[in-house]
Amino acid sequence: MRAVIRHVLGWGSLLLGVAGLFLPGLQGLLLIATGAILLAPDVPLFARLVDWIEDRFPALRSGLQRLRERLGHRRRPQG
């Protein structure tokens, strides 16, 4: 049940994010990032995207890892 809720919120956030790229007042990139983080445990594309963000922007790594722990995501193997 938790996975279903995560999928609904994740895909909904992605759709709103794409709309937010074109509509004023919606934070498109923030909503897309939220959707990607929510879907990362189940969709490999988004897992790779979040991993790339962690590698590319090390300042965000600790915050993203804390968020992953709060959401119950598995830890990324170090290597």
Protein backbone atom coordinates (compact mmCIF):
# COMPACT_ATOMS: atom_id res chain seq x y z
CA MET A 1 0.00 0.00 0.00
CA ARG A 2 2.84 2.37 0.84
CA ALA A 3 4.40 1.79 -2.59
CA VAL A 4 1.10 2.63 -4.30
CA ILE A 5 0.85 5.91 -2.41
CA ARG A 6 4.48 6.70 -3.23
CA HIS A 7 3.81 6.03 -6.94
CA VAL A 8 0.68 8.18 -7.02
CA LEU A 9 2.45 11.07 -5.28
CA GLY A 10 5.61 10.64 -7.37
CA TRP A 11 3.94 10.53 -10.78
CA GLY A 12 1.53 13.30 -9.80
CA SER A 13 4.44 15.45 -8.71
CA LEU A 14 6.22 14.79 -12.01
CA LEU A 15 3.13 15.77 -14.02
CA LEU A 16 2.68 18.96 -12.02
CA GLY A 17 6.39 19.67 -12.40
CA VAL A 18 6.23 19.40 -16.17
CA ALA A 19 3.21 21.73 -16.16
CA GLY A 20 5.13 24.03 -13.82
CA LEU A 21 7.87 24.42 -16.39
CA PHE A 22 5.37 26.27 -18.59
CA LEU A 23 2.96 27.83 -16.09
CA PRO A 24 3.87 30.72 -13.82
CA GLY A 25 3.42 30.14 -10.12
CA LEU A 26 4.36 26.45 -10.05
CA GLN A 27 7.90 25.46 -9.13
CA GLY A 28 8.50 22.98 -11.94
CA LEU A 29 12.04 21.84 -11.10
CA LEU A 30 11.22 21.41 -7.42
CA LEU A 31 8.19 19.26 -8.21
CA ILE A 32 10.16 17.18 -10.73
CA ALA A 33 12.92 16.61 -8.17
CA THR A 34 10.35 15.61 -5.55
CA GLY A 35 8.77 13.12 -7.93
CA ALA A 36 12.15 11.65 -8.87
CA ILE A 37 13.10 11.16 -5.22
CA LEU A 38 9.76 9.52 -4.44
CA LEU A 39 10.04 7.15 -7.41
CA ALA A 40 13.76 6.36 -7.08
CA PRO A 41 13.33 3.09 -5.12
CA ASP A 42 11.06 1.58 -7.77
CA VAL A 43 12.11 3.17 -11.08
CA PRO A 44 15.77 2.63 -12.07
CA LEU A 45 15.87 5.76 -14.24
CA PHE A 46 15.06 7.97 -11.27
CA ALA A 47 17.43 6.04 -9.00
CA ARG A 48 20.26 6.78 -11.46
CA LEU A 49 19.18 10.43 -11.66
CA VAL A 50 19.27 10.87 -7.87
CA ASP A 51 22.65 9.08 -7.74
CA TRP A 52 23.98 11.40 -10.46
CA ILE A 53 22.76 14.45 -8.53
CA GLU A 54 24.51 13.19 -5.39
CA ASP A 55 27.76 12.68 -7.34
CA ARG A 56 27.56 15.95 -9.27
CA PHE A 57 26.55 18.13 -6.32
CA PRO A 58 28.29 16.79 -3.18
CA ALA A 59 26.81 19.57 -1.03
CA LEU A 60 23.36 18.00 -1.52
CA ARG A 61 24.49 14.46 -0.68
CA SER A 62 23.87 14.54 3.08
CA GLY A 63 20.43 16.11 2.67
CA LEU A 64 19.39 13.61 0.02
CA GLN A 65 20.62 10.70 2.15
CA ARG A 66 18.63 11.95 5.16
CA LEU A 67 15.56 12.29 2.97
CA ARG A 68 16.04 8.78 1.60
CA GLU A 69 16.28 7.40 5.15
CA ARG A 70 13.10 9.21 6.19
CA LEU A 71 11.26 7.79 3.18
CA GLY A 72 12.56 4.26 3.91
CA HIS A 73 14.70 3.91 0.80
CA ARG A 74 17.51 1.39 0.71
CA ARG A 75 21.02 2.76 1.02
CA ARG A 76 23.05 3.20 -2.12
CA PRO A 77 26.10 0.91 -2.22
CA GLN A 78 29.32 2.88 -1.83
CA GLY A 79 31.95 2.29 -4.44
